[in-house]
Amino acid sequence: MSTPKIALVTGGSRGLGKNMALALAKKGISVVLTYHSQQAEAQSVVAEIEALGAKAATLQLDASASSGFADFFTRLGSTLRDTFGTGKFDFLINNAGTGVYAPFADTTEAQFDDMVNIHLKGTYFLTQKALPLLSDGGRIINISSGLVRFAGAGYSAYATMKGGIDVLTRYMAQELGSRQIAANVVAPGAIETDFGGGMVRDNAQVNQHLASLTALGRVGLPDDIGGVVAFLCTPEAGWINGQRIEVSGGIHL
């Protein structure tokens, strides 16, 4: 019997990250998920994963603070050994992030810097620091946004960082190919989560408007995203590399 693969999901205590972690577990993949401040929520996700028959663990991580990444990977190494009996993991899902909603003319330098630190600098250097623990033949999945392809007023800073993630992913795929590590982007469209204050989920007018712009006639749900991420961690997806996969139901076609 083969040893279960292990995924590291950043921001896995809620929202899309939680859904990704559960979808991975349903495929028999063990999960280490990170949380920023919601430890109880993270432990609840661990319990759900264990109920599915997979192993799981959780670690605190501030994905916007690159100065703490070396310590994080020291702790991850210990967790891998103690919980999973190995020194390596197989799949890195860079999901952690927050949004900022502000018109371009009003976006502050502090807001812009926050977006740089968590979405662009954080993903860049967290992945760089992960490389010694990431197995050859592994996968990197970076979470971007449909807002890279189409403009949504008020999201210029956030979308600019996600555009950088799309470019960065192609470089990862190119430069890590010698280790047989594939890197891809999953770009959700409008999703019913608490992202952005839950606007898509809780504002019926916004929800209906976005649904009217989408070929499949509704906005997305977390279940629409997690399974795609999990699929990219399967052997069947092994020849997908350097690609941006938008999962949006066909919005703004």
C-alpha atoms as a PDB file:
ATOM      1  CA  MET A   1       0.000   0.000   0.000  1.00  0.00           C
ATOM      2  CA  SER A   2       1.452   3.372  -1.019  1.00  0.00           C
ATOM      3  CA  THR A   3       2.157   6.061   1.559  1.00  0.00           C
ATOM      4  CA  PRO A   4      -0.493   8.824   1.523  1.00  0.00           C
ATOM      5  CA  LYS A   5       0.572  12.091  -0.052  1.00  0.00           C
ATOM      6  CA  ILE A   6       0.609  15.247   2.075  1.00  0.00           C
ATOM      7  CA  ALA A   7      -0.671  18.709   1.130  1.00  0.00           C
ATOM      8  CA  LEU A   8       0.105  22.037   2.812  1.00  0.00           C
ATOM      9  CA  VAL A   9      -2.848  24.410   2.478  1.00  0.00           C
ATOM     10  CA  THR A  10      -2.277  27.969   3.650  1.00  0.00           C
ATOM     11  CA  GLY A  11      -5.328  29.736   5.012  1.00  0.00           C
ATOM     12  CA  GLY A  12      -7.100  26.422   5.431  1.00  0.00           C
ATOM     13  CA  SER A  13      -9.266  27.174   8.459  1.00  0.00           C
ATOM     14  CA  ARG A  14     -12.191  28.750   6.582  1.00  0.00           C
ATOM     15  CA  GLY A  15     -13.680  29.644   3.228  1.00  0.00           C
ATOM     16  CA  LEU A  16     -12.118  28.274   0.087  1.00  0.00           C
ATOM     17  CA  GLY A  17      -9.061  26.977   1.947  1.00  0.00           C
ATOM     18  CA  LYS A  18     -11.228  24.820   4.197  1.00  0.00           C
ATOM     19  CA  ASN A  19     -13.049  23.477   1.160  1.00  0.00           C
ATOM     20  CA  MET A  20      -9.747  22.670  -0.549  1.00  0.00           C
ATOM     21  CA  ALA A  21      -8.471  20.857   2.548  1.00  0.00           C
ATOM     22  CA  LEU A  22     -11.624  18.720   2.763  1.00  0.00           C
ATOM     23  CA  ALA A  23     -11.593  17.955  -0.965  1.00  0.00           C
ATOM     24  CA  LEU A  24      -7.981  16.804  -0.706  1.00  0.00           C
ATOM     25  CA  ALA A  25      -8.830  14.611   2.285  1.00  0.00           C
ATOM     26  CA  LYS A  26     -11.676  12.993   0.324  1.00  0.00           C
ATOM     27  CA  LYS A  27      -9.024  11.852  -2.170  1.00  0.00           C
ATOM     28  CA  GLY A  28      -7.026  10.257   0.644  1.00  0.00           C
ATOM     29  CA  ILE A  29      -4.455  13.043   0.833  1.00  0.00           C
ATOM     30  CA  SER A  30      -3.216  14.050   4.279  1.00  0.00           C
ATOM     31  CA  VAL A  31      -3.355  17.766   5.046  1.00  0.00           C
ATOM     32  CA  VAL A  32      -1.392  20.325   7.027  1.00  0.00           C
ATOM     33  CA  LEU A  33      -3.450  23.503   7.101  1.00  0.00           C
ATOM     34  CA  THR A  34      -2.393  26.891   8.369  1.00  0.00           C
ATOM     35  CA  TYR A  35      -4.415  29.527  10.166  1.00  0.00           C
ATOM     36  CA  HIS A  36      -3.640  33.138  10.992  1.00  0.00           C
ATOM     37  CA  SER A  37      -5.618  33.668  14.206  1.00  0.00           C
ATOM     38  CA  GLN A  38      -8.598  31.274  14.186  1.00  0.00           C
ATOM     39  CA  GLN A  39      -7.035  28.274  15.919  1.00  0.00           C
ATOM     40  CA  ALA A  40     -10.362  26.810  17.043  1.00  0.00           C
ATOM     41  CA  GLU A  41     -11.716  26.919  13.483  1.00  0.00           C
ATOM     42  CA  ALA A  42      -8.552  25.242  12.222  1.00  0.00           C
ATOM     43  CA  GLN A  43      -8.830  22.454  14.791  1.00  0.00           C
ATOM     44  CA  SER A  44     -12.433  21.939  13.731  1.00  0.00           C
ATOM     45  CA  VAL A  45     -11.295  21.418  10.129  1.00  0.00           C
ATOM     46  CA  VAL A  46      -8.671  18.940  11.346  1.00  0.00           C
ATOM     47  CA  ALA A  47     -11.442  17.003  13.111  1.00  0.00           C
ATOM     48  CA  GLU A  48     -13.533  16.967   9.910  1.00  0.00           C
ATOM     49  CA  ILE A  49     -10.564  15.674   7.917  1.00  0.00           C
ATOM     50  CA  GLU A  50      -9.843  12.956  10.462  1.00  0.00           C
ATOM     51  CA  ALA A  51     -13.514  11.947  10.322  1.00  0.00           C
ATOM     52  CA  LEU A  52     -12.980  11.335   6.603  1.00  0.00           C
ATOM     53  CA  GLY A  53     -10.183   8.900   7.456  1.00  0.00           C
ATOM     54  CA  ALA A  54      -7.244  11.132   6.520  1.00  0.00           C
ATOM     55  CA  LYS A  55      -4.502  12.519   8.739  1.00  0.00           C
ATOM     56  CA  ALA A  56      -4.301  16.240   9.432  1.00  0.00           C
ATOM     57  CA  ALA A  57      -2.452  18.829  11.463  1.00  0.00           C
ATOM     58  CA  THR A  58      -2.572  22.597  11.810  1.00  0.00           C
ATOM     59  CA  LEU A  59       0.066  25.291  12.262  1.00  0.00           C
ATOM     60  CA  GLN A  60      -0.093  29.039  12.814  1.00  0.00           C
ATOM     61  CA  LEU A  61       1.250  31.173   9.968  1.00  0.00           C
ATOM     62  CA  ASP A  62       1.147  34.840   9.108  1.00  0.00           C
ATOM     63  CA  ALA A  63       1.515  34.560   5.339  1.00  0.00           C
ATOM     64  CA  SER A  64       2.195  38.283   5.056  1.00  0.00           C
ATOM     65  CA  ALA A  65       5.275  38.219   7.317  1.00  0.00           C
ATOM     66  CA  SER A  66       8.160  36.634   5.402  1.00  0.00           C
ATOM     67  CA  SER A  67      10.454  37.143   8.401  1.00  0.00           C
ATOM     68  CA  GLY A  68       8.622  34.276  10.107  1.00  0.00           C
ATOM     69  CA  PHE A  69       8.840  31.759   7.265  1.00  0.00           C
ATOM     70  CA  ALA A  70      12.085  30.101   8.389  1.00  0.00           C
ATOM     71  CA  ASP A  71      10.574  29.392  11.810  1.00  0.00           C
ATOM     72  CA  PHE A  72       7.372  28.131  10.186  1.00  0.00           C
ATOM     73  CA  PHE A  73       9.231  25.561   8.118  1.00  0.00           C
ATOM     74  CA  THR A  74      11.181  24.422  11.170  1.00  0.00           C
ATOM     75  CA  ARG A  75       7.827  23.789  12.865  1.00  0.00           C
ATOM     76  CA  LEU A  76       6.452  22.157   9.735  1.00  0.00           C
ATOM     77  CA  GLY A  77       9.428  19.807   9.600  1.00  0.00           C
ATOM     78  CA  SER A  78       8.753  18.723  13.168  1.00  0.00           C
ATOM     79  CA  THR A  79       5.051  18.236  12.434  1.00  0.00           C
ATOM     80  CA  LEU A  80       5.778  16.145   9.363  1.00  0.00           C
ATOM     81  CA  ARG A  81       8.044  13.869  11.367  1.00  0.00           C
ATOM     82  CA  ASP A  82       5.856  13.630  14.470  1.00  0.00           C
ATOM     83  CA  THR A  83       2.423  13.338  12.840  1.00  0.00           C
ATOM     84  CA  PHE A  84       3.112  11.792   9.450  1.00  0.00           C
ATOM     85  CA  GLY A  85       6.431   9.991   9.921  1.00  0.00           C
ATOM     86  CA  THR A  86       8.177  11.741   7.038  1.00  0.00           C
ATOM     87  CA  GLY A  87      10.354  14.753   6.337  1.00  0.00           C
ATOM     88  CA  LYS A  88       8.665  15.833   3.114  1.00  0.00           C
ATOM     89  CA  PHE A  89       5.325  16.991   1.753  1.00  0.00           C
ATOM     90  CA  ASP A  90       3.982  16.744  -1.783  1.00  0.00           C
ATOM     91  CA  PHE A  91       1.559  19.547  -2.591  1.00  0.00           C
ATOM     92  CA  LEU A  92       1.750  23.255  -1.749  1.00  0.00           C
ATOM     93  CA  ILE A  93      -1.492  25.221  -2.092  1.00  0.00           C
ATOM     94  CA  ASN A  94      -0.853  28.948  -1.694  1.00  0.00           C
ATOM     95  CA  ASN A  95      -4.352  30.049  -0.736  1.00  0.00           C
ATOM     96  CA  ALA A  96      -3.964  32.417   2.246  1.00  0.00           C
ATOM     97  CA  GLY A  97      -5.054  35.946   1.544  1.00  0.00           C
ATOM     98  CA  THR A  98      -7.335  38.858   2.217  1.00  0.00           C
ATOM     99  CA  GLY A  99      -8.851  41.452  -0.066  1.00  0.00           C
ATOM    100  CA  VAL A 100      -9.076  45.218  -0.118  1.00  0.00           C
ATOM    101  CA  TYR A 101     -11.970  47.055  -1.729  1.00  0.00           C
ATOM    102  CA  ALA A 102     -11.161  50.653  -2.598  1.00  0.00           C
ATOM    103  CA  PRO A 103     -11.293  52.763  -5.765  1.00  0.00           C
ATOM    104  CA  PHE A 104      -7.959  53.131  -7.530  1.00  0.00           C
ATOM    105  CA  ALA A 105      -7.923  56.862  -6.773  1.00  0.00           C
ATOM    106  CA  ASP A 106      -8.387  56.238  -3.041  1.00  0.00           C
ATOM    107  CA  THR A 107      -6.214  53.151  -2.423  1.00  0.00           C
ATOM    108  CA  THR A 108      -3.572  53.970   0.173  1.00  0.00           C
ATOM    109  CA  GLU A 109       0.061  52.946   0.121  1.00  0.00           C
ATOM    110  CA  ALA A 110      -0.537  50.942   3.297  1.00  0.00           C
ATOM    111  CA  GLN A 111      -3.368  49.003   1.651  1.00  0.00           C
ATOM    112  CA  PHE A 112      -1.212  48.370  -1.412  1.00  0.00           C
ATOM    113  CA  ASP A 113       1.698  47.177   0.735  1.00  0.00           C
ATOM    114  CA  ASP A 114      -0.611  44.785   2.607  1.00  0.00           C
ATOM    115  CA  MET A 115      -1.627  43.229  -0.708  1.00  0.00           C
ATOM    116  CA  VAL A 116       2.001  42.936  -1.832  1.00  0.00           C
ATOM    117  CA  ASN A 117       3.058  41.285   1.404  1.00  0.00           C
ATOM    118  CA  ILE A 118       0.376  38.626   1.640  1.00  0.00           C
ATOM    119  CA  HIS A 119      -0.357  37.838  -1.986  1.00  0.00           C
ATOM    120  CA  LEU A 120       2.839  38.434  -3.943  1.00  0.00           C
ATOM    121  CA  LYS A 121       5.840  38.604  -1.613  1.00  0.00           C
ATOM    122  CA  GLY A 122       4.285  36.037   0.711  1.00  0.00           C
ATOM    123  CA  THR A 123       3.639  33.499  -2.044  1.00  0.00           C
ATOM    124  CA  TYR A 124       7.050  34.113  -3.620  1.00  0.00           C
ATOM    125  CA  PHE A 125       9.148  33.582  -0.506  1.00  0.00           C
ATOM    126  CA  LEU A 126       6.947  31.012   1.218  1.00  0.00           C
ATOM    127  CA  THR A 127       7.293  28.809  -1.859  1.00  0.00           C
ATOM    128  CA  GLN A 128      11.029  29.483  -2.045  1.00  0.00           C
ATOM    129  CA  LYS A 129      11.455  28.455   1.598  1.00  0.00           C
ATOM    130  CA  ALA A 130       9.261  25.386   1.024  1.00  0.00           C
ATOM    131  CA  LEU A 131      11.474  23.910  -1.684  1.00  0.00           C
ATOM    132  CA  PRO A 132      13.766  21.846   0.596  1.00  0.00           C
ATOM    133  CA  LEU A 133      10.713  20.079   2.100  1.00  0.00           C
ATOM    134  CA  LEU A 134       8.703  19.772  -1.129  1.00  0.00           C
ATOM    135  CA  SER A 135       9.080  16.358  -2.738  1.00  0.00           C
ATOM    136  CA  ASP A 136      10.443  15.969  -6.238  1.00  0.00           C
ATOM    137  CA  GLY A 137       7.448  15.288  -8.466  1.00  0.00           C
ATOM    138  CA  GLY A 138       5.281  17.487  -6.261  1.00  0.00           C
ATOM    139  CA  ARG A 139       2.791  20.173  -7.211  1.00  0.00           C
ATOM    140  CA  ILE A 140       2.392  23.865  -6.493  1.00  0.00           C
ATOM    141  CA  ILE A 141      -1.061  25.404  -6.853  1.00  0.00           C
ATOM    142  CA  ASN A 142      -1.317  29.166  -6.544  1.00  0.00           C
ATOM    143  CA  ILE A 143      -4.701  30.796  -6.067  1.00  0.00           C
ATOM    144  CA  SER A 144      -5.346  33.782  -8.301  1.00  0.00           C
ATOM    145  CA  SER A 145      -8.606  35.474  -9.315  1.00  0.00           C
ATOM    146  CA  GLY A 146     -10.908  36.000 -12.249  1.00  0.00           C
ATOM    147  CA  LEU A 147     -10.265  39.699 -11.629  1.00  0.00           C
ATOM    148  CA  VAL A 148      -6.966  39.305 -13.487  1.00  0.00           C
ATOM    149  CA  ARG A 149      -8.850  38.670 -16.738  1.00  0.00           C
ATOM    150  CA  PHE A 150     -11.702  41.135 -16.245  1.00  0.00           C
ATOM    151  CA  ALA A 151     -11.755  44.369 -14.268  1.00  0.00           C
ATOM    152  CA  GLY A 152     -13.962  44.834 -11.237  1.00  0.00           C
ATOM    153  CA  ALA A 153     -13.942  48.409  -9.966  1.00  0.00           C
ATOM    154  CA  GLY A 154     -12.467  48.675  -6.485  1.00  0.00           C
ATOM    155  CA  TYR A 155     -10.104  45.714  -6.695  1.00  0.00           C
ATOM    156  CA  SER A 156      -7.107  47.257  -8.480  1.00  0.00           C
ATOM    157  CA  ALA A 157      -4.545  46.519  -5.741  1.00  0.00           C
ATOM    158  CA  TYR A 158      -5.743  42.978  -5.107  1.00  0.00           C
ATOM    159  CA  ALA A 159      -6.002  42.108  -8.800  1.00  0.00           C
ATOM    160  CA  THR A 160      -2.577  43.574  -9.554  1.00  0.00           C
ATOM    161  CA  MET A 161      -1.018  41.124  -7.089  1.00  0.00           C
ATOM    162  CA  LYS A 162      -2.959  38.217  -8.545  1.00  0.00           C
ATOM    163  CA  GLY A 163      -1.728  39.196 -12.008  1.00  0.00           C
ATOM    164  CA  GLY A 164       1.766  38.855 -10.598  1.00  0.00           C
ATOM    165  CA  ILE A 165       0.882  35.402  -9.271  1.00  0.00           C
ATOM    166  CA  ASP A 166      -0.140  34.299 -12.770  1.00  0.00           C
ATOM    167  CA  VAL A 167       3.263  35.340 -14.127  1.00  0.00           C
ATOM    168  CA  LEU A 168       5.191  33.953 -11.159  1.00  0.00           C
ATOM    169  CA  THR A 169       3.528  30.559 -11.586  1.00  0.00           C
ATOM    170  CA  ARG A 170       4.841  30.195 -15.123  1.00  0.00           C
ATOM    171  CA  TYR A 171       8.359  30.902 -13.858  1.00  0.00           C
ATOM    172  CA  MET A 172       7.933  28.325 -11.107  1.00  0.00           C
ATOM    173  CA  ALA A 173       6.815  25.766 -13.684  1.00  0.00           C
ATOM    174  CA  GLN A 174       9.788  26.558 -15.894  1.00  0.00           C
ATOM    175  CA  GLU A 175      12.481  26.601 -13.227  1.00  0.00           C
ATOM    176  CA  LEU A 176      11.234  23.711 -11.060  1.00  0.00           C
ATOM    177  CA  GLY A 177      10.559  21.376 -13.983  1.00  0.00           C
ATOM    178  CA  SER A 178      13.950  19.759 -13.521  1.00  0.00           C
ATOM    179  CA  ARG A 179      12.591  18.401 -10.217  1.00  0.00           C
ATOM    180  CA  GLN A 180       9.385  17.272 -11.938  1.00  0.00           C
ATOM    181  CA  ILE A 181       7.428  19.808  -9.878  1.00  0.00           C
ATOM    182  CA  ALA A 182       4.389  21.154 -11.722  1.00  0.00           C
ATOM    183  CA  ALA A 183       3.004  24.619 -10.899  1.00  0.00           C
ATOM    184  CA  ASN A 184      -0.439  25.863 -11.874  1.00  0.00           C
ATOM    185  CA  VAL A 185      -2.913  28.623 -11.075  1.00  0.00           C
ATOM    186  CA  VAL A 186      -6.538  28.191 -10.034  1.00  0.00           C
ATOM    187  CA  ALA A 187      -8.450  31.450 -10.531  1.00  0.00           C
ATOM    188  CA  PRO A 188     -11.906  31.534  -8.906  1.00  0.00           C
ATOM    189  CA  GLY A 189     -14.588  33.889 -10.122  1.00  0.00           C
ATOM    190  CA  ALA A 190     -17.227  35.385  -7.830  1.00  0.00           C
ATOM    191  CA  ILE A 191     -17.752  32.955  -4.931  1.00  0.00           C
ATOM    192  CA  GLU A 192     -20.165  32.914  -2.002  1.00  0.00           C
ATOM    193  CA  THR A 193     -17.731  33.171   0.940  1.00  0.00           C
ATOM    194  CA  ASP A 194     -16.955  35.769   3.605  1.00  0.00           C
ATOM    195  CA  PHE A 195     -14.286  37.270   1.301  1.00  0.00           C
ATOM    196  CA  GLY A 196     -14.733  41.017   0.919  1.00  0.00           C
ATOM    197  CA  GLY A 197     -17.095  41.126   3.855  1.00  0.00           C
ATOM    198  CA  GLY A 198     -19.306  38.445   2.325  1.00  0.00           C
ATOM    199  CA  MET A 199     -20.600  40.800  -0.373  1.00  0.00           C
ATOM    200  CA  VAL A 200     -21.221  38.122  -3.014  1.00  0.00           C
ATOM    201  CA  ARG A 201     -22.849  35.786  -0.496  1.00  0.00           C
ATOM    202  CA  ASP A 202     -24.909  38.249   1.538  1.00  0.00           C
ATOM    203  CA  ASN A 203     -25.886  41.053  -0.869  1.00  0.00           C
ATOM    204  CA  ALA A 204     -28.741  39.685  -2.956  1.00  0.00           C
ATOM    205  CA  GLN A 205     -28.497  42.454  -5.541  1.00  0.00           C
ATOM    206  CA  VAL A 206     -24.767  41.876  -6.080  1.00  0.00           C
ATOM    207  CA  ASN A 207     -25.307  38.117  -6.170  1.00  0.00           C
ATOM    208  CA  GLN A 208     -28.037  38.368  -8.801  1.00  0.00           C
ATOM    209  CA  HIS A 209     -26.067  40.833 -10.923  1.00  0.00           C
ATOM    210  CA  LEU A 210     -22.999  38.599 -11.000  1.00  0.00           C
ATOM    211  CA  ALA A 211     -25.152  35.564 -11.749  1.00  0.00           C
ATOM    212  CA  SER A 212     -26.624  37.425 -14.735  1.00  0.00           C
ATOM    213  CA  LEU A 213     -23.109  37.957 -16.120  1.00  0.00           C
ATOM    214  CA  THR A 214     -22.222  34.252 -15.790  1.00  0.00           C
ATOM    215  CA  ALA A 215     -22.944  31.742 -18.543  1.00  0.00           C
ATOM    216  CA  LEU A 216     -24.035  29.057 -16.072  1.00  0.00           C
ATOM    217  CA  GLY A 217     -26.426  31.477 -14.402  1.00  0.00           C
ATOM    218  CA  ARG A 218     -25.217  31.603 -10.811  1.00  0.00           C
ATOM    219  CA  VAL A 219     -22.260  32.671  -8.721  1.00  0.00           C
ATOM    220  CA  GLY A 220     -19.789  30.117  -7.477  1.00  0.00           C
ATOM    221  CA  LEU A 221     -19.795  28.096  -4.276  1.00  0.00           C
ATOM    222  CA  PRO A 222     -16.761  26.860  -2.332  1.00  0.00           C
ATOM    223  CA  ASP A 223     -17.511  23.313  -3.548  1.00  0.00           C
ATOM    224  CA  ASP A 224     -16.902  24.529  -7.097  1.00  0.00           C
ATOM    225  CA  ILE A 225     -13.261  25.309  -6.258  1.00  0.00           C
ATOM    226  CA  GLY A 226     -11.926  22.741  -3.795  1.00  0.00           C
ATOM    227  CA  GLY A 227     -12.437  19.793  -6.111  1.00  0.00           C
ATOM    228  CA  VAL A 228     -10.467  21.465  -8.900  1.00  0.00           C
ATOM    229  CA  VAL A 229      -7.519  22.045  -6.565  1.00  0.00           C
ATOM    230  CA  ALA A 230      -7.719  18.440  -5.390  1.00  0.00           C
ATOM    231  CA  PHE A 231      -7.831  17.192  -8.989  1.00  0.00           C
ATOM    232  CA  LEU A 232      -4.603  19.064  -9.750  1.00  0.00           C
ATOM    233  CA  CYS A 233      -2.973  16.952  -7.036  1.00  0.00           C
ATOM    234  CA  THR A 234      -3.929  13.645  -8.654  1.00  0.00           C
ATOM    235  CA  PRO A 235      -1.817  11.516 -11.007  1.00  0.00           C
ATOM    236  CA  GLU A 236      -4.344  12.222 -13.780  1.00  0.00           C
ATOM    237  CA  ALA A 237      -3.385  15.915 -13.681  1.00  0.00           C
ATOM    238  CA  GLY A 238       0.353  15.298 -13.825  1.00  0.00           C
ATOM    239  CA  TRP A 239       0.835  16.692 -17.343  1.00  0.00           C
ATOM    240  CA  ILE A 240      -0.881  20.015 -16.570  1.00  0.00           C
ATOM    241  CA  ASN A 241       1.866  22.545 -15.945  1.00  0.00           C
ATOM    242  CA  GLY A 242       2.260  26.299 -16.109  1.00  0.00           C
ATOM    243  CA  GLN A 243      -1.465  26.792 -16.706  1.00  0.00           C
ATOM    244  CA  ARG A 244      -4.064  29.237 -15.445  1.00  0.00           C
ATOM    245  CA  ILE A 245      -7.373  27.463 -14.835  1.00  0.00           C
ATOM    246  CA  GLU A 246     -10.227  29.896 -14.286  1.00  0.00           C
ATOM    247  CA  VAL A 247     -13.097  28.361 -12.323  1.00  0.00           C
ATOM    248  CA  SER A 248     -15.819  30.946 -12.743  1.00  0.00           C
ATOM    249  CA  GLY A 249     -18.808  29.372 -14.463  1.00  0.00           C
ATOM    250  CA  GLY A 250     -18.072  31.458 -17.516  1.00  0.00           C
ATOM    251  CA  ILE A 251     -18.345  35.014 -16.204  1.00  0.00           C
ATOM    252  CA  HIS A 252     -17.734  37.880 -18.629  1.00  0.00           C
ATOM    253  CA  LEU A 253     -17.176  35.583 -21.606  1.00  0.00           C
END
